[in-house]
Every structure is written in structure tokens, then in C-alpha cells.
């Protein structure tokens, strides 16, 4: 039986997933609460890591070390960056990296890698589920930084430098931690705002809708025995 790790940054991003975990075993480690249960043909472990790259990396490492997960799915909401991406649509990561750190420091010093590729099989599974559920889905780069982007000028700078499809505050850290441990990962994010001057207002309006949509996709992924 495969063991799948699911990490979200905020309680709202995990609420719908954890609500259908039947009689989960709850383990507290390093301030994180890990919920483990059986779902379909898989064993799943969910955790709310908190916001930001440090929280995300710590949670990912604990999940890998203690629960020995076979793969990690990062779920939640994100800001849309690519012009093709609309509100409440899905972005599946092809690769991830931080936008607030010069890539030179990762590429030329340990870990000697600045861009972390998502697992191809997990990408394909996420896209297949979205297609079956008739939910618009995009594949592309996701960038992360320790700031909530709600400024059109800042957005333009990130787009020009990285050409991402989405921006958030955790994906790159989860991807880097998984990569260093040789654990397959993918990030599946639903767009709650467009990371522009109207971003804060859009986020408040679409957060719950977006979180619920992506939760349904992730749980459908977990129900596949071949994940």
C-alpha cells in the first residue's frame, strides 16, 4: 500500500481533505499535527505546515523522516501569474523554485540545483483527474517567496524573470526538500487571486471555493491505486 503525504499551508486548504479522513491517527511532531488514515487503496498522511518556506521545508522533512511517505502532494491555493491562467483554475507544477533568492546561490553552492522538477507521473495523474472532472488545468512553473504578492509591479518583475504560471509561499521549499530526499512530489494549486493590485480582495472572495476545488482533485488522485 502506497503512503502519500499531503501538505497544505493553511487550515482552510486541508479542511475538506481531513474531514473525510476516517478515524485518523494523529501524531504531534515539532509543532505539526500529522493525520494518518487509509483512503481507497492508499495510506495518506496530511499536515498543515503553516505559511512560508521555512515552515514548509520543516514539515516536509518531518513527514519524510517519520512517516516514510512514497510521494508528496502539495495542495492549496496560489496567485495566478501567466496570462492564460484564470481564477479558480488549476496549475500543476512542472518545476518549482524560489523567486526571492538569487538562483546563483543554489546552483553554484550546495545543493547545486536551483530548479526542482516535479514528478512526471504525478503531474500526469493530476492533469488526468482535472480533465475527468472538467476543471481547467495548466502545467507550468510555480515560484515561491516569503511574501503575499498583491502588487502589479512586483508581479511584472517576477513574471519577467521566471515566467511562472503561479506564485505562492511554500511550493518551492516543499519541492526542494522532497528533491533532496529523492521523494517524488507535485504541487497542485487552485488560483484564488491574480497576484495583482486586486489580489487581496480576490483572495478573500475565492479562497474557500479554490481550496475546496483543489481538495477534491487531490483526494481523487489518492483514490488511484497507481499513484
Protein backbone atom coordinates (compact mmCIF):
# COMPACT_ATOMS: atom_id res chain seq x y z
CA UNK A 1 0.00 0.00 0.00
CA UNK A 2 1.41 3.36 -1.05
CA UNK A 3 1.78 6.07 1.54
CA UNK A 4 1.00 9.56 0.23
CA UNK A 5 1.95 12.76 2.02
CA UNK A 6 -0.33 15.78 1.55
CA UNK A 7 0.83 19.19 2.75
CA UNK A 8 -1.15 22.43 2.83
CA UNK A 9 -0.13 25.75 4.32
CA UNK A 10 -3.40 26.85 5.91
CA UNK A 11 -6.19 25.00 7.75
CA UNK A 12 -8.64 26.03 5.01
CA UNK A 13 -6.51 24.20 2.45
CA UNK A 14 -6.80 20.92 4.35
CA UNK A 15 -10.27 21.24 5.90
CA UNK A 16 -12.10 19.32 3.18
CA UNK A 17 -9.44 16.63 2.94
CA UNK A 18 -9.16 15.99 6.67
CA UNK A 19 -12.95 15.98 7.07
CA UNK A 20 -13.13 12.71 5.11
CA UNK A 21 -10.17 11.02 6.77
CA UNK A 22 -11.81 8.18 8.70
CA UNK A 23 -10.55 7.75 12.28
CA UNK A 24 -7.14 9.25 11.59
CA UNK A 25 -4.17 8.58 13.83
CA UNK A 26 -2.90 12.00 14.94
CA UNK A 27 0.80 12.45 15.70
CA UNK A 28 2.32 15.67 17.02
CA UNK A 29 5.92 16.31 15.97
CA UNK A 30 7.83 19.62 16.09
CA UNK A 31 4.58 21.53 16.48
CA UNK A 32 2.96 19.93 13.43
CA UNK A 33 -0.13 17.69 13.58
CA UNK A 34 0.01 14.75 11.18
CA UNK A 35 -3.25 12.93 10.37
CA UNK A 36 -2.75 9.39 9.03
CA UNK A 37 -5.54 7.23 7.64
CA UNK A 38 -6.46 4.81 4.87
CA UNK A 39 -8.16 6.19 1.78
CA UNK A 40 -9.06 3.83 -1.02
CA UNK A 41 -6.00 1.74 -1.87
CA UNK A 42 -3.61 4.20 -0.24
CA UNK A 43 -2.46 5.33 3.16
CA UNK A 44 -2.45 9.13 3.41
CA UNK A 45 -0.72 11.49 5.83
CA UNK A 46 -1.90 15.10 5.89
CA UNK A 47 -0.36 18.09 7.62
CA UNK A 48 -0.83 21.85 7.82
CA UNK A 49 2.68 23.26 7.59
CA UNK A 50 1.91 26.93 8.16
CA UNK A 51 2.74 29.79 5.85
CA UNK A 52 6.19 30.42 4.39
CA UNK A 53 9.17 28.46 3.09
CA UNK A 54 10.76 27.59 6.45
CA UNK A 55 7.56 26.09 7.84
CA UNK A 56 7.02 24.18 4.60
CA UNK A 57 10.54 22.73 4.49
CA UNK A 58 10.45 21.67 8.16
CA UNK A 59 7.09 19.96 7.78
CA UNK A 60 8.18 18.16 4.62
CA UNK A 61 11.34 16.82 6.25
CA UNK A 62 9.46 15.57 9.31
CA UNK A 63 6.87 13.89 7.08
CA UNK A 64 9.59 12.14 5.08
CA UNK A 65 11.68 11.09 8.10
CA UNK A 66 8.90 9.92 10.40
CA UNK A 67 6.19 8.64 8.04
CA UNK A 68 8.35 7.36 5.17
CA UNK A 69 5.93 8.64 2.54
CA UNK A 70 6.32 7.37 -1.03
CA UNK A 71 5.41 10.72 -2.56
CA UNK A 72 4.26 14.20 -1.56
CA UNK A 73 1.41 16.26 -2.98
CA UNK A 74 1.41 19.94 -2.09
CA UNK A 75 -2.14 21.25 -2.17
CA UNK A 76 -3.73 24.65 -1.73
CA UNK A 77 -4.29 27.97 -3.39
CA UNK A 78 -1.98 30.32 -5.27
CA UNK A 79 -1.77 33.56 -7.17
CA UNK A 80 -2.09 33.34 -10.95
CA UNK A 81 0.88 34.69 -12.89
CA UNK A 82 0.50 33.54 -16.51
CA UNK A 83 -1.94 35.43 -18.72
CA UNK A 84 -3.70 32.17 -19.63
CA UNK A 85 -4.48 31.32 -16.00
CA UNK A 86 -7.86 32.41 -14.64
CA UNK A 87 -9.43 32.45 -11.20
CA UNK A 88 -10.36 29.01 -9.81
CA UNK A 89 -8.37 27.19 -12.49
CA UNK A 90 -5.69 24.64 -11.58
CA UNK A 91 -1.93 24.87 -12.01
CA UNK A 92 0.08 21.65 -11.80
CA UNK A 93 3.78 22.23 -11.20
CA UNK A 94 6.30 21.14 -13.80
CA UNK A 95 9.11 22.65 -11.76
CA UNK A 96 9.46 24.90 -8.71
CA UNK A 97 11.95 27.44 -7.39
CA UNK A 98 12.12 30.45 -5.06
CA UNK A 99 11.63 33.88 -6.60
CA UNK A 100 13.15 35.75 -3.65
CA UNK A 101 16.60 34.15 -3.74
CA UNK A 102 19.23 34.57 -6.44
CA UNK A 103 19.34 31.20 -8.22
CA UNK A 104 23.15 31.52 -8.30
CA UNK A 105 23.29 30.69 -4.59
CA UNK A 106 21.50 27.38 -5.13
CA UNK A 107 23.10 26.48 -8.44
CA UNK A 108 26.74 27.25 -7.58
CA UNK A 109 26.68 26.15 -3.94
CA UNK A 110 25.01 23.19 -2.23
CA UNK A 111 22.62 21.73 -3.28
CA UNK A 112 23.96 22.70 -6.76
CA UNK A 113 20.45 22.83 -8.17
CA UNK A 114 18.19 25.87 -8.43
CA UNK A 115 15.11 24.43 -10.13
CA UNK A 116 13.35 21.37 -8.74
CA UNK A 117 11.35 19.25 -11.17
CA UNK A 118 8.01 17.74 -10.22
CA UNK A 119 7.43 14.04 -10.76
CA UNK A 120 6.10 13.39 -14.26
CA UNK A 121 3.75 10.57 -13.25
CA UNK A 122 2.17 12.70 -10.52
CA UNK A 123 1.83 15.59 -12.95
CA UNK A 124 0.05 13.37 -15.46
CA UNK A 125 -2.23 11.95 -12.78
CA UNK A 126 -3.23 15.44 -11.58
CA UNK A 127 -3.96 16.60 -15.12
CA UNK A 128 -5.93 13.45 -15.90
CA UNK A 129 -8.10 13.92 -12.81
CA UNK A 130 -8.75 17.56 -13.72
CA UNK A 131 -9.74 16.59 -17.24
CA UNK A 132 -12.13 13.91 -15.95
CA UNK A 133 -13.68 16.45 -13.55
CA UNK A 134 -13.93 19.04 -16.35
CA UNK A 135 -11.76 21.53 -14.46
CA UNK A 136 -9.45 23.81 -16.49
CA UNK A 137 -5.83 22.85 -15.79
CA UNK A 138 -2.45 24.29 -16.72
CA UNK A 139 1.04 22.84 -16.42
CA UNK A 140 3.87 25.20 -15.61
CA UNK A 141 6.47 26.56 -13.26
CA UNK A 142 5.45 27.61 -9.75
CA UNK A 143 7.59 30.07 -7.81
CA UNK A 144 7.54 30.80 -4.10
CA UNK A 145 8.66 33.56 -1.78
CA UNK A 146 8.06 34.81 1.74
CA UNK A 147 5.60 37.49 0.70
CA UNK A 148 1.97 37.53 -0.40
CA UNK A 149 2.08 39.16 -3.85
CA UNK A 150 -0.64 41.80 -4.28
CA UNK A 151 1.25 44.37 -6.34
CA UNK A 152 1.05 44.52 -10.12
CA UNK A 153 4.56 45.99 -10.42
CA UNK A 154 6.12 43.24 -8.29
CA UNK A 155 4.14 40.66 -10.24
CA UNK A 156 5.50 42.02 -13.50
CA UNK A 157 9.07 41.72 -12.21
CA UNK A 158 8.58 38.09 -11.16
CA UNK A 159 6.96 37.25 -14.50
CA UNK A 160 9.79 38.83 -16.45
CA UNK A 161 12.45 36.93 -14.53
CA UNK A 162 10.87 33.49 -14.12
CA UNK A 163 7.86 33.20 -16.48
CA UNK A 164 5.84 31.23 -13.89
CA UNK A 165 2.24 30.07 -14.04
CA UNK A 166 1.58 30.62 -10.32
CA UNK A 167 3.13 32.11 -7.20
CA UNK A 168 2.76 31.06 -3.58
CA UNK A 169 4.76 30.93 -0.35
CA UNK A 170 5.55 27.21 0.12
CA UNK A 171 5.78 25.10 -3.04
CA UNK A 172 9.47 25.73 -3.78
CA UNK A 173 10.50 24.72 -0.25
CA UNK A 174 8.44 21.53 -0.34
CA UNK A 175 9.84 20.70 -3.76
CA UNK A 176 13.42 21.32 -2.69
CA UNK A 177 13.06 19.22 0.47
CA UNK A 178 11.46 16.38 -1.50
CA UNK A 179 14.16 16.58 -4.18
CA UNK A 180 16.96 16.37 -1.62
CA UNK A 181 15.35 13.25 -0.17
CA UNK A 182 14.62 11.72 -3.60
CA UNK A 183 10.90 11.64 -2.87
CA UNK A 184 8.57 12.28 -5.85
CA UNK A 185 6.42 15.37 -5.46
CA UNK A 186 3.97 17.60 -7.26
CA UNK A 187 2.18 20.80 -6.38
CA UNK A 188 -1.48 21.14 -7.33
CA UNK A 189 -2.72 24.68 -6.76
CA UNK A 190 -6.04 26.37 -7.43
CA UNK A 191 -5.90 30.05 -8.35
CA UNK A 192 -7.53 32.25 -5.69
CA UNK A 193 -6.23 35.61 -6.97
CA UNK A 194 -4.11 37.06 -9.75
CA UNK A 195 -1.30 38.41 -7.54
CA UNK A 196 -2.01 41.97 -8.69
CA UNK A 197 -3.35 45.17 -7.11
CA UNK A 198 -6.72 43.46 -6.60
CA UNK A 199 -5.13 40.32 -5.17
CA UNK A 200 -6.14 40.75 -1.54
CA UNK A 201 -9.79 41.34 -2.43
CA UNK A 202 -9.83 38.38 -4.85
CA UNK A 203 -8.22 36.12 -2.27
CA UNK A 204 -10.87 36.86 0.33
CA UNK A 205 -13.60 36.16 -2.19
CA UNK A 206 -12.29 32.97 -3.77
CA UNK A 207 -10.18 31.32 -1.03
CA UNK A 208 -12.84 28.85 0.17
CA UNK A 209 -14.03 27.97 -3.35
CA UNK A 210 -10.48 27.42 -4.59
CA UNK A 211 -9.45 25.36 -1.56
CA UNK A 212 -12.46 23.07 -1.90
CA UNK A 213 -11.87 22.53 -5.61
CA UNK A 214 -8.23 21.55 -5.24
CA UNK A 215 -9.05 19.28 -2.28
CA UNK A 216 -11.44 17.30 -4.48
CA UNK A 217 -8.73 16.87 -7.08
CA UNK A 218 -6.11 15.71 -4.59
CA UNK A 219 -8.44 13.17 -2.98
CA UNK A 220 -9.33 11.81 -6.41
CA UNK A 221 -5.60 11.39 -7.07
CA UNK A 222 -5.23 9.43 -3.82
CA UNK A 223 -8.00 7.05 -4.84
CA UNK A 224 -5.91 5.84 -7.75
CA UNK A 225 -4.04 2.71 -6.74
CA UNK A 226 -1.20 3.55 -9.13
CA UNK A 227 -0.38 6.97 -7.64
